[in-house]
Amino acid sequence: MTGFQISVLEATSKIPKGQVKTYREIAIEIGHPHACRAVGTALRKNPFPITIPCHRVIKSTGEPGKYSGESGTKKIRLLKAEGVKISNGIVNLKKR
């Protein structure tokens, strides 16, 4: 893994259960504010998907994005199980 990918996974591993961050927030946190898509690519290569909770990283629109190469359905199920409020498949980012 590259240093960038490791930084993404380290930042993601710090997101508490029941909370989410956007791809952009992770990019800013690791010092690459314009690398939102690269954050998604790094998360797609996550070797430990539950231990490093990439399901807690979502789009800035509140949409879940893909998880494990699938649609956001599995991601939504995991987030709901953690208590994240989701309405019509969208996380309300204003209530974080």
PDB file of N, CA and C in Angstrom:
ATOM      1  N   MET A   1       0.838  -1.180   0.000  1.00  0.00           N
ATOM      2  CA  MET A   1       0.000   0.000   0.000  1.00  0.00           C
ATOM      3  C   MET A   1       0.886   1.247   0.000  1.00  0.00           C
ATOM      4  N   THR A   2       0.366   2.303  -0.604  1.00  0.00           N
ATOM      5  CA  THR A   2       1.096   3.567  -0.640  1.00  0.00           C
ATOM      6  C   THR A   2       0.909   4.315   0.676  1.00  0.00           C
ATOM      7  N   GLY A   3       1.734   5.315   0.893  1.00  0.00           N
ATOM      8  CA  GLY A   3       1.591   6.158   2.078  1.00  0.00           C
ATOM      9  C   GLY A   3       0.233   6.838   2.123  1.00  0.00           C
ATOM     10  N   PHE A   4      -0.245   7.273   0.948  1.00  0.00           N
ATOM     11  CA  PHE A   4      -1.562   7.908   0.864  1.00  0.00           C
ATOM     12  C   PHE A   4      -2.648   6.927   1.327  1.00  0.00           C
ATOM     13  N   GLN A   5      -2.613   5.707   0.815  1.00  0.00           N
ATOM     14  CA  GLN A   5      -3.624   4.705   1.175  1.00  0.00           C
ATOM     15  C   GLN A   5      -3.589   4.404   2.671  1.00  0.00           C
ATOM     16  N   ILE A   6      -2.398   4.300   3.214  1.00  0.00           N
ATOM     17  CA  ILE A   6      -2.274   4.050   4.652  1.00  0.00           C
ATOM     18  C   ILE A   6      -2.858   5.202   5.447  1.00  0.00           C
ATOM     19  N   SER A   7      -2.606   6.445   5.007  1.00  0.00           N
ATOM     20  CA  SER A   7      -3.173   7.622   5.685  1.00  0.00           C
ATOM     21  C   SER A   7      -4.693   7.587   5.667  1.00  0.00           C
ATOM     22  N   VAL A   8      -5.270   7.211   4.534  1.00  0.00           N
ATOM     23  CA  VAL A   8      -6.731   7.120   4.414  1.00  0.00           C
ATOM     24  C   VAL A   8      -7.261   6.075   5.394  1.00  0.00           C
ATOM     25  N   LEU A   9      -6.639   4.915   5.422  1.00  0.00           N
ATOM     26  CA  LEU A   9      -7.111   3.844   6.303  1.00  0.00           C
ATOM     27  C   LEU A   9      -6.943   4.215   7.772  1.00  0.00           C
ATOM     28  N   GLU A  10      -5.861   4.892   8.116  1.00  0.00           N
ATOM     29  CA  GLU A  10      -5.659   5.328   9.501  1.00  0.00           C
ATOM     30  C   GLU A  10      -6.733   6.330   9.920  1.00  0.00           C
ATOM     31  N   ALA A  11      -7.029   7.298   9.061  1.00  0.00           N
ATOM     32  CA  ALA A  11      -8.063   8.290   9.369  1.00  0.00           C
ATOM     33  C   ALA A  11      -9.429   7.621   9.486  1.00  0.00           C
ATOM     34  N   THR A  12      -9.701   6.691   8.607  1.00  0.00           N
ATOM     35  CA  THR A  12     -10.984   5.991   8.615  1.00  0.00           C
ATOM     36  C   THR A  12     -11.134   5.142   9.869  1.00  0.00           C
ATOM     37  N   SER A  13     -10.057   4.553  10.324  1.00  0.00           N
ATOM     38  CA  SER A  13     -10.128   3.686  11.504  1.00  0.00           C
ATOM     39  C   SER A  13     -10.498   4.455  12.772  1.00  0.00           C
ATOM     40  N   LYS A  14     -10.396   5.780  12.745  1.00  0.00           N
ATOM     41  CA  LYS A  14     -10.708   6.611  13.910  1.00  0.00           C
ATOM     42  C   LYS A  14     -12.157   7.092  13.949  1.00  0.00           C
ATOM     43  N   ILE A  15     -12.943   6.763  12.924  1.00  0.00           N
ATOM     44  CA  ILE A  15     -14.348   7.198  12.914  1.00  0.00           C
ATOM     45  C   ILE A  15     -15.123   6.327  13.904  1.00  0.00           C
ATOM     46  N   PRO A  16     -15.726   6.938  14.920  1.00  0.00           N
ATOM     47  CA  PRO A  16     -16.444   6.156  15.926  1.00  0.00           C
ATOM     48  C   PRO A  16     -17.693   5.472  15.369  1.00  0.00           C
ATOM     49  N   LYS A  17     -18.049   4.389  15.992  1.00  0.00           N
ATOM     50  CA  LYS A  17     -19.274   3.658  15.652  1.00  0.00           C
ATOM     51  C   LYS A  17     -20.467   4.612  15.757  1.00  0.00           C
ATOM     52  N   GLY A  18     -21.342   4.555  14.766  1.00  0.00           N
ATOM     53  CA  GLY A  18     -22.528   5.402  14.769  1.00  0.00           C
ATOM     54  C   GLY A  18     -22.309   6.774  14.168  1.00  0.00           C
ATOM     55  N   GLN A  19     -21.100   7.039  13.678  1.00  0.00           N
ATOM     56  CA  GLN A  19     -20.804   8.315  13.050  1.00  0.00           C
ATOM     57  C   GLN A  19     -20.287   8.079  11.635  1.00  0.00           C
ATOM     58  N   VAL A  20     -20.342   9.126  10.826  1.00  0.00           N
ATOM     59  CA  VAL A  20     -19.841   9.045   9.457  1.00  0.00           C
ATOM     60  C   VAL A  20     -18.982  10.265   9.155  1.00  0.00           C
ATOM     61  N   LYS A  21     -18.160  10.128   8.132  1.00  0.00           N
ATOM     62  CA  LYS A  21     -17.418  11.247   7.551  1.00  0.00           C
ATOM     63  C   LYS A  21     -17.570  11.121   6.048  1.00  0.00           C
ATOM     64  N   THR A  22     -17.373  12.228   5.361  1.00  0.00           N
ATOM     65  CA  THR A  22     -17.434  12.185   3.910  1.00  0.00           C
ATOM     66  C   THR A  22     -16.047  11.896   3.343  1.00  0.00           C
ATOM     67  N   TYR A  23     -16.034  11.471   2.081  1.00  0.00           N
ATOM     68  CA  TYR A  23     -14.753  11.259   1.405  1.00  0.00           C
ATOM     69  C   TYR A  23     -13.933  12.547   1.456  1.00  0.00           C
ATOM     70  N   ARG A  24     -14.606  13.675   1.274  1.00  0.00           N
ATOM     71  CA  ARG A  24     -13.925  14.978   1.301  1.00  0.00           C
ATOM     72  C   ARG A  24     -13.333  15.262   2.678  1.00  0.00           C
ATOM     73  N   GLU A  25     -14.072  14.972   3.727  1.00  0.00           N
ATOM     74  CA  GLU A  25     -13.550  15.215   5.082  1.00  0.00           C
ATOM     75  C   GLU A  25     -12.285  14.382   5.345  1.00  0.00           C
ATOM     76  N   ILE A  26     -12.282  13.158   4.876  1.00  0.00           N
ATOM     77  CA  ILE A  26     -11.087  12.322   5.033  1.00  0.00           C
ATOM     78  C   ILE A  26      -9.936  12.916   4.222  1.00  0.00           C
ATOM     79  N   ALA A  27     -10.222  13.335   2.995  1.00  0.00           N
ATOM     80  CA  ALA A  27      -9.182  13.932   2.141  1.00  0.00           C
ATOM     81  C   ALA A  27      -8.576  15.163   2.811  1.00  0.00           C
ATOM     82  N   ILE A  28      -9.406  16.017   3.369  1.00  0.00           N
ATOM     83  CA  ILE A  28      -8.920  17.223   4.057  1.00  0.00           C
ATOM     84  C   ILE A  28      -8.103  16.832   5.285  1.00  0.00           C
ATOM     85  N   GLU A  29      -8.612  15.873   6.043  1.00  0.00           N
ATOM     86  CA  GLU A  29      -7.945  15.444   7.267  1.00  0.00           C
ATOM     87  C   GLU A  29      -6.523  14.937   7.016  1.00  0.00           C
ATOM     88  N   ILE A  30      -6.319  14.279   5.899  1.00  0.00           N
ATOM     89  CA  ILE A  30      -4.980  13.732   5.620  1.00  0.00           C
ATOM     90  C   ILE A  30      -4.116  14.686   4.786  1.00  0.00           C
ATOM     91  N   GLY A  31      -4.625  15.894   4.550  1.00  0.00           N
ATOM     92  CA  GLY A  31      -3.829  16.908   3.869  1.00  0.00           C
ATOM     93  C   GLY A  31      -3.884  16.887   2.356  1.00  0.00           C
ATOM     94  N   HIS A  32      -4.912  16.251   1.794  1.00  0.00           N
ATOM     95  CA  HIS A  32      -5.082  16.195   0.334  1.00  0.00           C
ATOM     96  C   HIS A  32      -6.531  16.587  -0.008  1.00  0.00           C
ATOM     97  N   PRO A  33      -6.886  17.857   0.174  1.00  0.00           N
ATOM     98  CA  PRO A  33      -8.288  18.276   0.067  1.00  0.00           C
ATOM     99  C   PRO A  33      -8.958  18.040  -1.286  1.00  0.00           C
ATOM    100  N   HIS A  34      -8.198  17.830  -2.334  1.00  0.00           N
ATOM    101  CA  HIS A  34      -8.796  17.622  -3.652  1.00  0.00           C
ATOM    102  C   HIS A  34      -8.771  16.151  -4.074  1.00  0.00           C
ATOM    103  N   ALA A  35      -8.472  15.274  -3.144  1.00  0.00           N
ATOM    104  CA  ALA A  35      -8.291  13.855  -3.473  1.00  0.00           C
ATOM    105  C   ALA A  35      -9.464  12.982  -3.024  1.00  0.00           C
ATOM    106  N   CYS A  36     -10.680  13.505  -3.133  1.00  0.00           N
ATOM    107  CA  CYS A  36     -11.861  12.757  -2.686  1.00  0.00           C
ATOM    108  C   CYS A  36     -11.992  11.411  -3.398  1.00  0.00           C
ATOM    109  N   ARG A  37     -11.825  11.405  -4.693  1.00  0.00           N
ATOM    110  CA  ARG A  37     -11.945  10.152  -5.445  1.00  0.00           C
ATOM    111  C   ARG A  37     -10.837   9.181  -5.080  1.00  0.00           C
ATOM    112  N   ALA A  38      -9.651   9.696  -4.859  1.00  0.00           N
ATOM    113  CA  ALA A  38      -8.532   8.838  -4.468  1.00  0.00           C
ATOM    114  C   ALA A  38      -8.785   8.209  -3.096  1.00  0.00           C
ATOM    115  N   VAL A  39      -9.482   8.940  -2.222  1.00  0.00           N
ATOM    116  CA  VAL A  39      -9.872   8.376  -0.927  1.00  0.00           C
ATOM    117  C   VAL A  39     -10.781   7.168  -1.164  1.00  0.00           C
ATOM    118  N   GLY A  40     -11.755   7.319  -2.050  1.00  0.00           N
ATOM    119  CA  GLY A  40     -12.647   6.205  -2.375  1.00  0.00           C
ATOM    120  C   GLY A  40     -11.894   5.013  -2.937  1.00  0.00           C
ATOM    121  N   THR A  41     -10.920   5.275  -3.785  1.00  0.00           N
ATOM    122  CA  THR A  41     -10.114   4.202  -4.362  1.00  0.00           C
ATOM    123  C   THR A  41      -9.319   3.486  -3.275  1.00  0.00           C
ATOM    124  N   ALA A  42      -8.747   4.253  -2.361  1.00  0.00           N
ATOM    125  CA  ALA A  42      -7.989   3.645  -1.259  1.00  0.00           C
ATOM    126  C   ALA A  42      -8.896   2.780  -0.394  1.00  0.00           C
ATOM    127  N   LEU A  43     -10.100   3.262  -0.131  1.00  0.00           N
ATOM    128  CA  LEU A  43     -11.034   2.492   0.693  1.00  0.00           C
ATOM    129  C   LEU A  43     -11.500   1.227  -0.016  1.00  0.00           C
ATOM    130  N   ARG A  44     -11.582   1.275  -1.327  1.00  0.00           N
ATOM    131  CA  ARG A  44     -11.977   0.084  -2.080  1.00  0.00           C
ATOM    132  C   ARG A  44     -10.932  -1.020  -1.919  1.00  0.00           C
ATOM    133  N   LYS A  45      -9.697  -0.630  -1.630  1.00  0.00           N
ATOM    134  CA  LYS A  45      -8.609  -1.599  -1.446  1.00  0.00           C
ATOM    135  C   LYS A  45      -8.402  -1.971   0.020  1.00  0.00           C
ATOM    136  N   ASN A  46      -9.305  -1.551   0.890  1.00  0.00           N
ATOM    137  CA  ASN A  46      -9.215  -1.810   2.323  1.00  0.00           C
ATOM    138  C   ASN A  46      -9.130  -3.324   2.588  1.00  0.00           C
ATOM    139  N   PRO A  47      -8.015  -3.794   3.167  1.00  0.00           N
ATOM    140  CA  PRO A  47      -7.874  -5.227   3.410  1.00  0.00           C
ATOM    141  C   PRO A  47      -8.666  -5.726   4.630  1.00  0.00           C
ATOM    142  N   PHE A  48      -9.152  -4.819   5.467  1.00  0.00           N
ATOM    143  CA  PHE A  48      -9.881  -5.187   6.684  1.00  0.00           C
ATOM    144  C   PHE A  48     -11.168  -4.368   6.808  1.00  0.00           C
ATOM    145  N   PRO A  49     -12.186  -4.643   5.967  1.00  0.00           N
ATOM    146  CA  PRO A  49     -13.354  -3.765   5.866  1.00  0.00           C
ATOM    147  C   PRO A  49     -14.184  -3.541   7.126  1.00  0.00           C
ATOM    148  N   ILE A  50     -14.237  -4.433   8.064  1.00  0.00           N
ATOM    149  CA  ILE A  50     -14.996  -4.154   9.281  1.00  0.00           C
ATOM    150  C   ILE A  50     -14.075  -3.545  10.339  1.00  0.00           C
ATOM    151  N   THR A  51     -12.865  -4.035  10.448  1.00  0.00           N
ATOM    152  CA  THR A  51     -11.893  -3.498  11.402  1.00  0.00           C
ATOM    153  C   THR A  51     -11.576  -2.045  11.075  1.00  0.00           C
ATOM    154  N   ILE A  52     -11.364  -1.760   9.804  1.00  0.00           N
ATOM    155  CA  ILE A  52     -11.198  -0.380   9.336  1.00  0.00           C
ATOM    156  C   ILE A  52     -12.527  -0.042   8.673  1.00  0.00           C
ATOM    157  N   PRO A  53     -13.382   0.689   9.378  1.00  0.00           N
ATOM    158  CA  PRO A  53     -14.790   0.830   9.001  1.00  0.00           C
ATOM    159  C   PRO A  53     -15.063   1.745   7.801  1.00  0.00           C
ATOM    160  N   CYS A  54     -14.674   1.302   6.621  1.00  0.00           N
ATOM    161  CA  CYS A  54     -14.865   2.125   5.427  1.00  0.00           C
ATOM    162  C   CYS A  54     -16.344   2.356   5.126  1.00  0.00           C
ATOM    163  N   HIS A  55     -17.230   1.552   5.724  1.00  0.00           N
ATOM    164  CA  HIS A  55     -18.662   1.781   5.525  1.00  0.00           C
ATOM    165  C   HIS A  55     -19.108   3.091   6.175  1.00  0.00           C
ATOM    166  N   ARG A  56     -18.281   3.672   7.019  1.00  0.00           N
ATOM    167  CA  ARG A  56     -18.608   4.935   7.689  1.00  0.00           C
ATOM    168  C   ARG A  56     -18.204   6.160   6.879  1.00  0.00           C
ATOM    169  N   VAL A  57     -17.682   5.943   5.683  1.00  0.00           N
ATOM    170  CA  VAL A  57     -17.302   7.056   4.809  1.00  0.00           C
ATOM    171  C   VAL A  57     -18.324   7.122   3.680  1.00  0.00           C
ATOM    172  N   ILE A  58     -18.925   8.305   3.525  1.00  0.00           N
ATOM    173  CA  ILE A  58     -20.023   8.482   2.574  1.00  0.00           C
ATOM    174  C   ILE A  58     -19.755   9.689   1.672  1.00  0.00           C
ATOM    175  N   LYS A  59     -20.615   9.838   0.676  1.00  0.00           N
ATOM    176  CA  LYS A  59     -20.513  10.995  -0.226  1.00  0.00           C
ATOM    177  C   LYS A  59     -20.979  12.265   0.479  1.00  0.00           C
ATOM    178  N   SER A  60     -20.534  13.410  -0.003  1.00  0.00           N
ATOM    179  CA  SER A  60     -20.935  14.702   0.571  1.00  0.00           C
ATOM    180  C   SER A  60     -22.424  14.964   0.446  1.00  0.00           C
ATOM    181  N   THR A  61     -23.080  14.253  -0.456  1.00  0.00           N
ATOM    182  CA  THR A  61     -24.527  14.398  -0.641  1.00  0.00           C
ATOM    183  C   THR A  61     -25.321  13.604   0.390  1.00  0.00           C
ATOM    184  N   GLY A  62     -24.634  12.783   1.167  1.00  0.00           N
ATOM    185  CA  GLY A  62     -25.312  11.908   2.125  1.00  0.00           C
ATOM    186  C   GLY A  62     -25.585  10.521   1.558  1.00  0.00           C
ATOM    187  N   GLU A  63     -25.343  10.359   0.249  1.00  0.00           N
ATOM    188  CA  GLU A  63     -25.506   9.035  -0.357  1.00  0.00           C
ATOM    189  C   GLU A  63     -24.400   8.127   0.168  1.00  0.00           C
ATOM    190  N   PRO A  64     -24.681   6.841   0.305  1.00  0.00           N
ATOM    191  CA  PRO A  64     -23.687   5.953   0.892  1.00  0.00           C
ATOM    192  C   PRO A  64     -22.478   5.680   0.013  1.00  0.00           C
ATOM    193  N   GLY A  65     -22.644   5.639  -1.282  1.00  0.00           N
ATOM    194  CA  GLY A  65     -21.554   5.201  -2.149  1.00  0.00           C
ATOM    195  C   GLY A  65     -21.477   3.687  -2.121  1.00  0.00           C
ATOM    196  N   LYS A  66     -20.544   3.145  -2.835  1.00  0.00           N
ATOM    197  CA  LYS A  66     -20.426   1.690  -2.921  1.00  0.00           C
ATOM    198  C   LYS A  66     -19.694   1.130  -1.706  1.00  0.00           C
ATOM    199  N   TYR A  67     -19.892  -0.167  -1.494  1.00  0.00           N
ATOM    200  CA  TYR A  67     -19.220  -0.864  -0.403  1.00  0.00           C
ATOM    201  C   TYR A  67     -18.914  -2.273  -0.865  1.00  0.00           C
ATOM    202  N   SER A  68     -17.670  -2.653  -0.782  1.00  0.00           N
ATOM    203  CA  SER A  68     -17.215  -3.987  -1.214  1.00  0.00           C
ATOM    204  C   SER A  68     -17.618  -4.268  -2.656  1.00  0.00           C
ATOM    205  N   GLY A  69     -17.560  -3.232  -3.497  1.00  0.00           N
ATOM    206  CA  GLY A  69     -17.873  -3.398  -4.909  1.00  0.00           C
ATOM    207  C   GLY A  69     -19.353  -3.534  -5.212  1.00  0.00           C
ATOM    208  N   GLU A  70     -20.193  -3.376  -4.214  1.00  0.00           N
ATOM    209  CA  GLU A  70     -21.643  -3.505  -4.394  1.00  0.00           C
ATOM    210  C   GLU A  70     -22.299  -2.130  -4.312  1.00  0.00           C
ATOM    211  N   SER A  71     -23.597  -2.118  -4.528  1.00  0.00           N
ATOM    212  CA  SER A  71     -24.343  -0.875  -4.339  1.00  0.00           C
ATOM    213  C   SER A  71     -24.297  -0.514  -2.862  1.00  0.00           C
ATOM    214  N   GLY A  72     -24.875   0.591  -2.497  1.00  0.00           N
ATOM    215  CA  GLY A  72     -24.836   1.053  -1.115  1.00  0.00           C
ATOM    216  C   GLY A  72     -25.745   0.314  -0.157  1.00  0.00           C
ATOM    217  N   THR A  73     -26.475  -0.699  -0.620  1.00  0.00           N
ATOM    218  CA  THR A  73     -27.432  -1.402   0.235  1.00  0.00           C
ATOM    219  C   THR A  73     -26.770  -2.002   1.466  1.00  0.00           C
ATOM    220  N   LYS A  74     -25.657  -2.678   1.282  1.00  0.00           N
ATOM    221  CA  LYS A  74     -24.948  -3.301   2.401  1.00  0.00           C
ATOM    222  C   LYS A  74     -24.411  -2.227   3.351  1.00  0.00           C
ATOM    223  N   LYS A  75     -23.910  -1.153   2.791  1.00  0.00           N
ATOM    224  CA  LYS A  75     -23.380  -0.043   3.585  1.00  0.00           C
ATOM    225  C   LYS A  75     -24.491   0.563   4.443  1.00  0.00           C
ATOM    226  N   ILE A  76     -25.649   0.775   3.845  1.00  0.00           N
ATOM    227  CA  ILE A  76     -26.796   1.328   4.580  1.00  0.00           C
ATOM    228  C   ILE A  76     -27.172   0.408   5.729  1.00  0.00           C
ATOM    229  N   ARG A  77     -27.202  -0.887   5.478  1.00  0.00           N
ATOM    230  CA  ARG A  77     -27.554  -1.863   6.515  1.00  0.00           C
ATOM    231  C   ARG A  77     -26.563  -1.780   7.691  1.00  0.00           C
ATOM    232  N   LEU A  78     -25.274  -1.696   7.391  1.00  0.00           N
ATOM    233  CA  LEU A  78     -24.266  -1.595   8.444  1.00  0.00           C
ATOM    234  C   LEU A  78     -24.411  -0.293   9.236  1.00  0.00           C
ATOM    235  N   LEU A  79     -24.626   0.813   8.529  1.00  0.00           N
ATOM    236  CA  LEU A  79     -24.775   2.110   9.208  1.00  0.00           C
ATOM    237  C   LEU A  79     -26.022   2.135  10.090  1.00  0.00           C
ATOM    238  N   LYS A  80     -27.127   1.613   9.594  1.00  0.00           N
ATOM    239  CA  LYS A  80     -28.352   1.562  10.393  1.00  0.00           C
ATOM    240  C   LYS A  80     -28.144   0.716  11.650  1.00  0.00           C
ATOM    241  N   ALA A  81     -27.422  -0.393  11.514  1.00  0.00           N
ATOM    242  CA  ALA A  81     -27.144  -1.260  12.660  1.00  0.00           C
ATOM    243  C   ALA A  81     -26.325  -0.530  13.723  1.00  0.00           C
ATOM    244  N   GLU A  82     -25.564   0.481  13.311  1.00  0.00           N
ATOM    245  CA  GLU A  82     -24.759   1.279  14.242  1.00  0.00           C
ATOM    246  C   GLU A  82     -25.528   2.488  14.777  1.00  0.00           C
ATOM    247  N   GLY A  83     -26.762   2.659  14.327  1.00  0.00           N
ATOM    248  CA  GLY A  83     -27.580   3.759  14.827  1.00  0.00           C
ATOM    249  C   GLY A  83     -27.543   5.026  13.998  1.00  0.00           C
ATOM    250  N   VAL A  84     -26.939   4.989  12.827  1.00  0.00           N
ATOM    251  CA  VAL A  84     -26.909   6.163  11.955  1.00  0.00           C
ATOM    252  C   VAL A  84     -28.302   6.342  11.355  1.00  0.00           C
ATOM    253  N   LYS A  85     -28.821   7.545  11.433  1.00  0.00           N
ATOM    254  CA  LYS A  85     -30.157   7.846  10.905  1.00  0.00           C
ATOM    255  C   LYS A  85     -30.096   8.043   9.389  1.00  0.00           C
ATOM    256  N   ILE A  86     -30.854   7.237   8.685  1.00  0.00           N
ATOM    257  CA  ILE A  86     -30.878   7.273   7.226  1.00  0.00           C
ATOM    258  C   ILE A  86     -32.332   7.337   6.776  1.00  0.00           C
ATOM    259  N   SER A  87     -32.613   8.260   5.880  1.00  0.00           N
ATOM    260  CA  SER A  87     -33.960   8.416   5.347  1.00  0.00           C
ATOM    261  C   SER A  87     -33.900   8.361   3.831  1.00  0.00           C
ATOM    262  N   ASN A  88     -34.667   7.458   3.248  1.00  0.00           N
ATOM    263  CA  ASN A  88     -34.679   7.278   1.789  1.00  0.00           C
ATOM    264  C   ASN A  88     -33.287   7.040   1.214  1.00  0.00           C
ATOM    265  N   GLY A  89     -32.461   6.295   1.950  1.00  0.00           N
ATOM    266  CA  GLY A  89     -31.131   5.959   1.465  1.00  0.00           C
ATOM    267  C   GLY A  89     -30.100   7.064   1.596  1.00  0.00           C
ATOM    268  N   ILE A  90     -30.448   8.145   2.338  1.00  0.00           N
ATOM    269  CA  ILE A  90     -29.546   9.296   2.496  1.00  0.00           C
ATOM    270  C   ILE A  90     -29.294   9.555   3.982  1.00  0.00           C
ATOM    271  N   VAL A  91     -28.019   9.755   4.324  1.00  0.00           N
ATOM    272  CA  VAL A  91     -27.658  10.136   5.699  1.00  0.00           C
ATOM    273  C   VAL A  91     -27.861  11.639   5.829  1.00  0.00           C
ATOM    274  N   ASN A  92     -28.529  12.063   6.898  1.00  0.00           N
ATOM    275  CA  ASN A  92     -28.717  13.488   7.143  1.00  0.00           C
ATOM    276  C   ASN A  92     -27.425  14.038   7.746  1.00  0.00           C
ATOM    277  N   LEU A  93     -26.635  14.708   6.941  1.00  0.00           N
ATOM    278  CA  LEU A  93     -25.343  15.218   7.387  1.00  0.00           C
ATOM    279  C   LEU A  93     -25.455  16.413   8.318  1.00  0.00           C
ATOM    280  N   LYS A  94     -26.602  17.062   8.350  1.00  0.00           N
ATOM    281  CA  LYS A  94     -26.760  18.239   9.204  1.00  0.00           C
ATOM    282  C   LYS A  94     -26.935  17.861  10.670  1.00  0.00           C
ATOM    283  N   LYS A  95     -27.296  16.630  10.935  1.00  0.00           N
ATOM    284  CA  LYS A  95     -27.536  16.186  12.323  1.00  0.00           C
ATOM    285  C   LYS A  95     -26.385  15.353  12.851  1.00  0.00           C
ATOM    286  N   ARG A  96     -25.161  15.720  12.465  1.00  0.00           N
ATOM    287  CA  ARG A  96     -24.016  14.941  12.949  1.00  0.00           C
ATOM    288  C   ARG A  96     -23.374  15.619  14.109  1.00  0.00           C
TER     289      ARG A  96
END
